[in-house]
Amino acid sequence: MLINGVWAEVILGGEHLRLFSEHNAIGVQTSVYNVGTKTWIAPSEPVDDIEEGKERAAEHARAYLKQSANVELPPLEWKKARSR
């Protein structure tokens, strides 16, 4: 169950990623999902707070984009996540 969180989307260099920083029933976690391949680049990892999660997700996405498409991570627009 999502308590609160944020997400961002990157479509660049043939890659489509979704970055998450969420506080859920397990705690605060961050992750990065590759929409194109339907795989997790960085599966859920615990962080101290939402801001740290945003930073960690951006680090994972930056490294992935540099390696896979040789492009730089653009500025991210974080959106509030909705619980269901």
Protein backbone atom coordinates (compact mmCIF):
# COMPACT_ATOMS: atom_id res chain seq x y z
CA MET A 1 0.00 0.00 0.00
CA LEU A 2 1.39 3.35 -1.07
CA ILE A 3 1.50 5.96 1.69
CA ASN A 4 3.08 8.69 -0.44
CA GLY A 5 5.72 9.07 -3.10
CA VAL A 6 6.86 10.56 -6.37
CA TRP A 7 7.74 9.30 -9.83
CA ALA A 8 9.41 10.65 -12.96
CA GLU A 9 9.56 9.50 -16.56
CA VAL A 10 12.43 9.68 -19.05
CA ILE A 11 12.04 8.98 -22.77
CA LEU A 12 15.39 9.56 -24.44
CA GLY A 13 17.81 7.84 -26.81
CA GLY A 14 15.39 5.00 -27.50
CA GLU A 15 14.97 4.33 -23.77
CA HIS A 16 11.81 4.72 -21.70
CA LEU A 17 12.37 4.69 -17.94
CA ARG A 18 10.19 5.31 -14.89
CA LEU A 19 11.84 6.33 -11.63
CA PHE A 20 10.11 5.88 -8.28
CA SER A 21 10.65 7.05 -4.72
CA GLU A 22 7.87 5.79 -2.49
CA HIS A 23 6.87 5.33 1.11
CA ASN A 24 4.83 2.13 1.34
CA ALA A 25 3.98 -0.55 3.90
CA ILE A 26 7.56 -1.88 3.75
CA GLY A 27 9.19 1.53 4.27
CA VAL A 28 10.74 4.12 1.96
CA GLN A 29 12.10 2.61 -1.24
CA THR A 30 13.45 3.67 -4.62
CA SER A 31 13.46 1.85 -7.94
CA VAL A 32 13.90 2.34 -11.70
CA TYR A 33 11.83 0.49 -14.30
CA ASN A 34 12.57 0.10 -18.02
CA VAL A 35 9.18 0.37 -19.72
CA GLY A 36 10.52 -0.79 -23.10
CA THR A 37 11.99 -4.07 -21.87
CA LYS A 38 9.58 -4.47 -18.95
CA THR A 39 12.46 -5.08 -16.55
CA TRP A 40 13.73 -3.44 -13.39
CA ILE A 41 17.02 -1.58 -13.84
CA ALA A 42 17.18 -1.01 -10.12
CA PRO A 43 14.72 -3.10 -8.12
CA SER A 44 13.39 -1.69 -4.86
CA GLU A 45 16.08 -0.65 -2.42
CA PRO A 46 15.55 0.92 0.98
CA VAL A 47 16.38 4.61 1.52
CA ASP A 48 15.98 6.97 4.46
CA ASP A 49 13.45 9.35 2.87
CA ILE A 50 11.74 10.36 -0.38
CA GLU A 51 14.47 12.90 -1.26
CA GLU A 52 17.24 10.32 -0.90
CA GLY A 53 15.13 7.97 -3.03
CA LYS A 54 14.89 10.57 -5.79
CA GLU A 55 18.67 11.03 -5.75
CA ARG A 56 19.36 7.27 -5.82
CA ALA A 57 16.86 6.66 -8.63
CA ALA A 58 18.43 9.47 -10.66
CA GLU A 59 21.91 7.97 -10.08
CA HIS A 60 20.74 4.57 -11.34
CA ALA A 61 19.00 6.09 -14.37
CA ARG A 62 22.00 8.32 -15.18
CA ALA A 63 24.39 5.36 -15.17
CA TYR A 64 22.02 3.20 -17.21
CA LEU A 65 21.41 5.88 -19.87
CA LYS A 66 25.12 6.61 -20.18
CA GLN A 67 25.93 2.93 -20.70
CA SER A 68 22.98 1.91 -22.88
CA ALA A 69 22.42 4.96 -25.09
CA ASN A 70 25.39 7.25 -24.34
CA VAL A 71 23.03 10.09 -23.37
CA GLU A 72 22.86 12.29 -20.30
CA LEU A 73 19.94 12.21 -17.88
CA PRO A 74 17.79 15.31 -18.50
CA PRO A 75 16.32 17.37 -15.66
CA LEU A 76 13.60 15.31 -14.01
CA GLU A 77 10.03 16.43 -13.41
CA TRP A 78 8.86 14.55 -10.33
CA LYS A 79 5.12 13.95 -10.04
CA LYS A 80 3.17 12.99 -6.97
CA ALA A 81 2.29 9.29 -6.90
CA ARG A 82 -1.30 8.30 -6.22
CA SER A 83 -2.32 5.53 -3.89
CA ARG A 84 -5.06 3.15 -4.94
